[in-house]
């Protein structure tokens, strides 16, 4: 268990993807960018952050999860922060042929990944290989208007000191890291 006080940044992601990351089903964050990303587009601006679950654009049918998969309960007027992430490496995938090698590392449907790949210019998708940690006690925040909109990053109030535990063992995390780097031809 690690005790830390993280920066007050959060990455907005579908609640079901946050759960997949937090359960160890998913090891990468795939992003193209939102409307509010501006001309420069999306970038992994922060290497350590909280995962901010959202239901905007979310649909279980857009994942490879089985029908009836239990989604986390939505909190009326609140957001529950349960996980943190540390991005270990990033890349921009511009070859659509490489999308298939990602399938064992995320829960998104092939159609969603291809749609994100084709969205905007240039074609491609940002990949962040992440180490995910579960916080010892969920951080409950009131939902504020400033958390809304099509943006990837939101600033949170000052984060409490938390204890957190890695979701995957060091061995499993290292195995996935080596496997994915090999499949993508990264040294």
C-alpha atoms as a PDB file:
ATOM      1  CA  UNK A   1       0.000   0.000   0.000  1.00  0.00           C
ATOM      2  CA  UNK A   2       1.292   3.438  -0.982  1.00  0.00           C
ATOM      3  CA  UNK A   3       0.370   6.662   0.815  1.00  0.00           C
ATOM      4  CA  UNK A   4       0.350   9.711  -1.366  1.00  0.00           C
ATOM      5  CA  UNK A   5      -1.155  13.081  -2.016  1.00  0.00           C
ATOM      6  CA  UNK A   6      -1.725  13.406  -5.745  1.00  0.00           C
ATOM      7  CA  UNK A   7      -2.059  16.491  -7.847  1.00  0.00           C
ATOM      8  CA  UNK A   8      -5.625  17.675  -8.151  1.00  0.00           C
ATOM      9  CA  UNK A   9      -6.085  16.663 -11.794  1.00  0.00           C
ATOM     10  CA  UNK A  10      -8.517  14.073 -13.042  1.00  0.00           C
ATOM     11  CA  UNK A  11      -8.984  12.362 -16.367  1.00  0.00           C
ATOM     12  CA  UNK A  12     -12.590  12.007 -17.514  1.00  0.00           C
ATOM     13  CA  UNK A  13     -13.416   8.535 -18.805  1.00  0.00           C
ATOM     14  CA  UNK A  14     -16.525   6.388 -19.195  1.00  0.00           C
ATOM     15  CA  UNK A  15     -17.494   4.896 -15.836  1.00  0.00           C
ATOM     16  CA  UNK A  16     -17.419   1.408 -17.350  1.00  0.00           C
ATOM     17  CA  UNK A  17     -13.848   1.977 -18.597  1.00  0.00           C
ATOM     18  CA  UNK A  18     -12.837   3.255 -15.149  1.00  0.00           C
ATOM     19  CA  UNK A  19     -14.232   0.008 -13.736  1.00  0.00           C
ATOM     20  CA  UNK A  20     -12.365  -2.044 -16.349  1.00  0.00           C
ATOM     21  CA  UNK A  21      -9.131  -0.242 -15.489  1.00  0.00           C
ATOM     22  CA  UNK A  22      -9.833  -0.638 -11.783  1.00  0.00           C
ATOM     23  CA  UNK A  23     -10.571  -4.363 -12.076  1.00  0.00           C
ATOM     24  CA  UNK A  24      -7.472  -5.083 -14.153  1.00  0.00           C
ATOM     25  CA  UNK A  25      -9.448  -5.918 -17.316  1.00  0.00           C
ATOM     26  CA  UNK A  26      -7.919  -2.930 -19.118  1.00  0.00           C
ATOM     27  CA  UNK A  27      -4.335  -1.639 -19.149  1.00  0.00           C
ATOM     28  CA  UNK A  28      -4.432   1.193 -21.677  1.00  0.00           C
ATOM     29  CA  UNK A  29      -6.257   4.462 -22.057  1.00  0.00           C
ATOM     30  CA  UNK A  30      -7.250   5.205 -25.652  1.00  0.00           C
ATOM     31  CA  UNK A  31      -8.075   8.785 -26.520  1.00  0.00           C
ATOM     32  CA  UNK A  32      -8.514  10.969 -29.551  1.00  0.00           C
ATOM     33  CA  UNK A  33      -9.767  14.095 -27.833  1.00  0.00           C
ATOM     34  CA  UNK A  34     -12.891  16.057 -27.144  1.00  0.00           C
ATOM     35  CA  UNK A  35     -14.349  19.204 -28.616  1.00  0.00           C
ATOM     36  CA  UNK A  36     -12.803  21.288 -25.820  1.00  0.00           C
ATOM     37  CA  UNK A  37      -9.272  19.995 -26.496  1.00  0.00           C
ATOM     38  CA  UNK A  38      -8.585  22.927 -28.806  1.00  0.00           C
ATOM     39  CA  UNK A  39      -6.395  23.149 -31.924  1.00  0.00           C
ATOM     40  CA  UNK A  40      -3.535  21.221 -30.388  1.00  0.00           C
ATOM     41  CA  UNK A  41      -5.822  18.257 -29.743  1.00  0.00           C
ATOM     42  CA  UNK A  42      -5.457  15.711 -26.998  1.00  0.00           C
ATOM     43  CA  UNK A  43      -2.258  15.047 -25.071  1.00  0.00           C
ATOM     44  CA  UNK A  44      -1.481  13.166 -21.884  1.00  0.00           C
ATOM     45  CA  UNK A  45      -0.783  16.430 -20.041  1.00  0.00           C
ATOM     46  CA  UNK A  46      -0.418  14.727 -16.683  1.00  0.00           C
ATOM     47  CA  UNK A  47       1.317  11.459 -15.829  1.00  0.00           C
ATOM     48  CA  UNK A  48      -0.466  10.879 -12.506  1.00  0.00           C
ATOM     49  CA  UNK A  49      -4.128  11.636 -11.980  1.00  0.00           C
ATOM     50  CA  UNK A  50      -7.452  10.523 -10.605  1.00  0.00           C
ATOM     51  CA  UNK A  51      -9.915   8.693 -12.860  1.00  0.00           C
ATOM     52  CA  UNK A  52     -13.126  10.736 -13.108  1.00  0.00           C
ATOM     53  CA  UNK A  53     -16.015   8.432 -14.124  1.00  0.00           C
ATOM     54  CA  UNK A  54     -18.554   9.871 -16.519  1.00  0.00           C
ATOM     55  CA  UNK A  55     -21.585   8.471 -18.298  1.00  0.00           C
ATOM     56  CA  UNK A  56     -21.452  10.967 -21.158  1.00  0.00           C
ATOM     57  CA  UNK A  57     -21.526   9.040 -24.476  1.00  0.00           C
ATOM     58  CA  UNK A  58     -21.188   5.789 -22.482  1.00  0.00           C
ATOM     59  CA  UNK A  59     -22.999   2.640 -23.530  1.00  0.00           C
ATOM     60  CA  UNK A  60     -22.380  -0.977 -22.584  1.00  0.00           C
ATOM     61  CA  UNK A  61     -23.020  -1.880 -26.234  1.00  0.00           C
ATOM     62  CA  UNK A  62     -19.871   0.074 -27.143  1.00  0.00           C
ATOM     63  CA  UNK A  63     -17.743  -2.394 -25.178  1.00  0.00           C
ATOM     64  CA  UNK A  64     -16.840  -6.067 -25.391  1.00  0.00           C
ATOM     65  CA  UNK A  65     -18.311  -6.706 -21.941  1.00  0.00           C
ATOM     66  CA  UNK A  66     -21.143  -9.244 -21.719  1.00  0.00           C
ATOM     67  CA  UNK A  67     -24.763  -8.034 -21.687  1.00  0.00           C
ATOM     68  CA  UNK A  68     -25.945  -7.396 -18.158  1.00  0.00           C
ATOM     69  CA  UNK A  69     -22.472  -6.493 -16.902  1.00  0.00           C
ATOM     70  CA  UNK A  70     -23.025  -4.652 -13.623  1.00  0.00           C
ATOM     71  CA  UNK A  71     -22.140  -1.019 -14.081  1.00  0.00           C
ATOM     72  CA  UNK A  72     -21.228   1.013 -11.018  1.00  0.00           C
ATOM     73  CA  UNK A  73     -24.207   2.798  -9.502  1.00  0.00           C
ATOM     74  CA  UNK A  74     -24.566   6.383 -10.612  1.00  0.00           C
ATOM     75  CA  UNK A  75     -24.514   8.866  -7.744  1.00  0.00           C
ATOM     76  CA  UNK A  76     -27.094  11.622  -8.092  1.00  0.00           C
ATOM     77  CA  UNK A  77     -25.322  14.985  -8.026  1.00  0.00           C
ATOM     78  CA  UNK A  78     -22.010  13.454  -6.989  1.00  0.00           C
ATOM     79  CA  UNK A  79     -18.967  11.791  -8.464  1.00  0.00           C
ATOM     80  CA  UNK A  80     -17.131   8.944  -6.763  1.00  0.00           C
ATOM     81  CA  UNK A  81     -13.379   8.822  -7.332  1.00  0.00           C
ATOM     82  CA  UNK A  82     -12.121   5.283  -6.698  1.00  0.00           C
ATOM     83  CA  UNK A  83      -8.996   4.940  -8.826  1.00  0.00           C
ATOM     84  CA  UNK A  84      -5.816   6.740  -9.732  1.00  0.00           C
ATOM     85  CA  UNK A  85      -3.604   6.209 -12.757  1.00  0.00           C
ATOM     86  CA  UNK A  86       0.046   6.586 -13.542  1.00  0.00           C
ATOM     87  CA  UNK A  87       0.874   6.737 -17.241  1.00  0.00           C
ATOM     88  CA  UNK A  88       4.117   4.863 -17.821  1.00  0.00           C
ATOM     89  CA  UNK A  89       4.441   5.506 -21.544  1.00  0.00           C
ATOM     90  CA  UNK A  90       2.463   6.930 -24.419  1.00  0.00           C
ATOM     91  CA  UNK A  91       2.432   6.717 -28.170  1.00  0.00           C
ATOM     92  CA  UNK A  92       0.312   7.897 -31.066  1.00  0.00           C
ATOM     93  CA  UNK A  93      -0.855   5.029 -33.243  1.00  0.00           C
ATOM     94  CA  UNK A  94      -1.251   6.149 -36.852  1.00  0.00           C
ATOM     95  CA  UNK A  95      -1.330   2.722 -38.546  1.00  0.00           C
ATOM     96  CA  UNK A  96      -4.890   1.309 -38.545  1.00  0.00           C
ATOM     97  CA  UNK A  97      -3.439  -2.204 -38.945  1.00  0.00           C
ATOM     98  CA  UNK A  98      -2.045  -1.966 -35.402  1.00  0.00           C
ATOM     99  CA  UNK A  99      -5.465  -1.423 -33.797  1.00  0.00           C
ATOM    100  CA  UNK A 100      -6.089  -5.179 -33.614  1.00  0.00           C
ATOM    101  CA  UNK A 101      -3.075  -5.754 -31.326  1.00  0.00           C
ATOM    102  CA  UNK A 102      -4.684  -3.513 -28.711  1.00  0.00           C
ATOM    103  CA  UNK A 103      -7.805  -5.661 -28.295  1.00  0.00           C
ATOM    104  CA  UNK A 104      -6.494  -7.714 -25.354  1.00  0.00           C
ATOM    105  CA  UNK A 105      -5.657  -4.552 -23.433  1.00  0.00           C
ATOM    106  CA  UNK A 106      -9.041  -2.736 -23.420  1.00  0.00           C
ATOM    107  CA  UNK A 107     -12.804  -3.345 -23.371  1.00  0.00           C
ATOM    108  CA  UNK A 108     -13.933  -0.990 -26.153  1.00  0.00           C
ATOM    109  CA  UNK A 109     -15.603  -2.474 -29.213  1.00  0.00           C
ATOM    110  CA  UNK A 110     -13.640  -2.577 -32.462  1.00  0.00           C
ATOM    111  CA  UNK A 111     -16.112  -0.071 -33.946  1.00  0.00           C
ATOM    112  CA  UNK A 112     -15.541   2.466 -31.167  1.00  0.00           C
ATOM    113  CA  UNK A 113     -11.749   2.234 -31.468  1.00  0.00           C
ATOM    114  CA  UNK A 114     -11.947   2.611 -35.268  1.00  0.00           C
ATOM    115  CA  UNK A 115     -14.329   5.574 -34.916  1.00  0.00           C
ATOM    116  CA  UNK A 116     -11.949   7.294 -32.514  1.00  0.00           C
ATOM    117  CA  UNK A 117      -9.034   6.512 -34.836  1.00  0.00           C
ATOM    118  CA  UNK A 118     -10.781   8.144 -37.828  1.00  0.00           C
ATOM    119  CA  UNK A 119     -12.143  11.159 -35.914  1.00  0.00           C
ATOM    120  CA  UNK A 120     -10.454  14.438 -36.855  1.00  0.00           C
ATOM    121  CA  UNK A 121      -7.049  15.003 -38.346  1.00  0.00           C
ATOM    122  CA  UNK A 122      -4.666  13.385 -38.391  1.00  0.00           C
ATOM    123  CA  UNK A 123      -6.129   9.874 -38.253  1.00  0.00           C
ATOM    124  CA  UNK A 124      -4.792   7.953 -35.278  1.00  0.00           C
ATOM    125  CA  UNK A 125      -5.259   7.395 -31.578  1.00  0.00           C
ATOM    126  CA  UNK A 126      -3.292   8.219 -28.437  1.00  0.00           C
ATOM    127  CA  UNK A 127      -2.381   5.277 -26.230  1.00  0.00           C
ATOM    128  CA  UNK A 128      -1.348   5.576 -22.611  1.00  0.00           C
ATOM    129  CA  UNK A 129      -0.116   2.447 -20.860  1.00  0.00           C
ATOM    130  CA  UNK A 130      -1.321   2.888 -17.288  1.00  0.00           C
ATOM    131  CA  UNK A 131      -0.638   1.499 -13.851  1.00  0.00           C
ATOM    132  CA  UNK A 132      -3.922   1.702 -11.962  1.00  0.00           C
ATOM    133  CA  UNK A 133      -4.341   2.019  -8.203  1.00  0.00           C
ATOM    134  CA  UNK A 134      -7.454   1.615  -6.059  1.00  0.00           C
ATOM    135  CA  UNK A 135      -7.837   4.284  -3.383  1.00  0.00           C
ATOM    136  CA  UNK A 136      -8.436   2.978   0.134  1.00  0.00           C
ATOM    137  CA  UNK A 137     -11.525   5.101   0.634  1.00  0.00           C
ATOM    138  CA  UNK A 138     -13.548   6.576  -2.256  1.00  0.00           C
ATOM    139  CA  UNK A 139     -13.388  10.344  -2.622  1.00  0.00           C
ATOM    140  CA  UNK A 140     -16.940  11.683  -3.034  1.00  0.00           C
ATOM    141  CA  UNK A 141     -17.261  15.103  -4.663  1.00  0.00           C
ATOM    142  CA  UNK A 142     -20.341  17.152  -5.500  1.00  0.00           C
ATOM    143  CA  UNK A 143     -20.825  17.315  -9.264  1.00  0.00           C
ATOM    144  CA  UNK A 144     -20.021  20.827 -10.401  1.00  0.00           C
ATOM    145  CA  UNK A 145     -20.759  22.544 -13.696  1.00  0.00           C
ATOM    146  CA  UNK A 146     -17.024  23.031 -14.303  1.00  0.00           C
ATOM    147  CA  UNK A 147     -16.604  19.239 -14.489  1.00  0.00           C
ATOM    148  CA  UNK A 148     -18.887  19.052 -17.540  1.00  0.00           C
ATOM    149  CA  UNK A 149     -18.203  19.400 -21.238  1.00  0.00           C
ATOM    150  CA  UNK A 150     -16.227  17.439 -23.810  1.00  0.00           C
ATOM    151  CA  UNK A 151     -12.824  17.749 -22.228  1.00  0.00           C
ATOM    152  CA  UNK A 152     -10.434  15.101 -20.994  1.00  0.00           C
ATOM    153  CA  UNK A 153      -8.935  16.906 -18.013  1.00  0.00           C
ATOM    154  CA  UNK A 154     -10.653  18.539 -15.048  1.00  0.00           C
ATOM    155  CA  UNK A 155      -9.171  20.240 -12.027  1.00  0.00           C
ATOM    156  CA  UNK A 156     -10.440  18.916  -8.717  1.00  0.00           C
ATOM    157  CA  UNK A 157     -10.383  20.513  -5.282  1.00  0.00           C
ATOM    158  CA  UNK A 158      -7.256  19.806  -3.247  1.00  0.00           C
ATOM    159  CA  UNK A 159      -6.950  16.057  -3.004  1.00  0.00           C
ATOM    160  CA  UNK A 160      -6.949  14.387   0.380  1.00  0.00           C
ATOM    161  CA  UNK A 161      -4.006  12.256   1.440  1.00  0.00           C
ATOM    162  CA  UNK A 162      -4.903   8.743   0.381  1.00  0.00           C
ATOM    163  CA  UNK A 163      -3.614   5.224   0.585  1.00  0.00           C
ATOM    164  CA  UNK A 164      -3.744   3.224  -2.599  1.00  0.00           C
ATOM    165  CA  UNK A 165      -3.004  -0.281  -3.776  1.00  0.00           C
ATOM    166  CA  UNK A 166      -1.945  -1.374  -7.263  1.00  0.00           C
ATOM    167  CA  UNK A 167      -4.729  -3.223  -9.068  1.00  0.00           C
ATOM    168  CA  UNK A 168      -2.356  -5.668 -10.780  1.00  0.00           C
ATOM    169  CA  UNK A 169       0.636  -7.436  -9.308  1.00  0.00           C
ATOM    170  CA  UNK A 170       4.037  -6.154 -10.402  1.00  0.00           C
ATOM    171  CA  UNK A 171       4.600  -9.363 -12.395  1.00  0.00           C
ATOM    172  CA  UNK A 172       1.306  -9.145 -14.300  1.00  0.00           C
ATOM    173  CA  UNK A 173       1.728  -5.446 -14.960  1.00  0.00           C
ATOM    174  CA  UNK A 174       5.278  -5.990 -16.272  1.00  0.00           C
ATOM    175  CA  UNK A 175       4.100  -8.932 -18.424  1.00  0.00           C
ATOM    176  CA  UNK A 176       1.395  -6.802 -20.079  1.00  0.00           C
ATOM    177  CA  UNK A 177       3.812  -3.908 -20.542  1.00  0.00           C
ATOM    178  CA  UNK A 178       6.399  -6.091 -22.289  1.00  0.00           C
ATOM    179  CA  UNK A 179       3.796  -7.857 -24.403  1.00  0.00           C
ATOM    180  CA  UNK A 180       2.155  -4.661 -25.651  1.00  0.00           C
ATOM    181  CA  UNK A 181       5.471  -2.911 -26.340  1.00  0.00           C
ATOM    182  CA  UNK A 182       6.536  -5.966 -28.343  1.00  0.00           C
ATOM    183  CA  UNK A 183       3.276  -6.098 -30.324  1.00  0.00           C
ATOM    184  CA  UNK A 184       3.573  -2.380 -31.169  1.00  0.00           C
ATOM    185  CA  UNK A 185       7.281  -2.652 -32.034  1.00  0.00           C
ATOM    186  CA  UNK A 186       8.348  -0.257 -29.282  1.00  0.00           C
ATOM    187  CA  UNK A 187      11.754  -0.709 -27.716  1.00  0.00           C
END
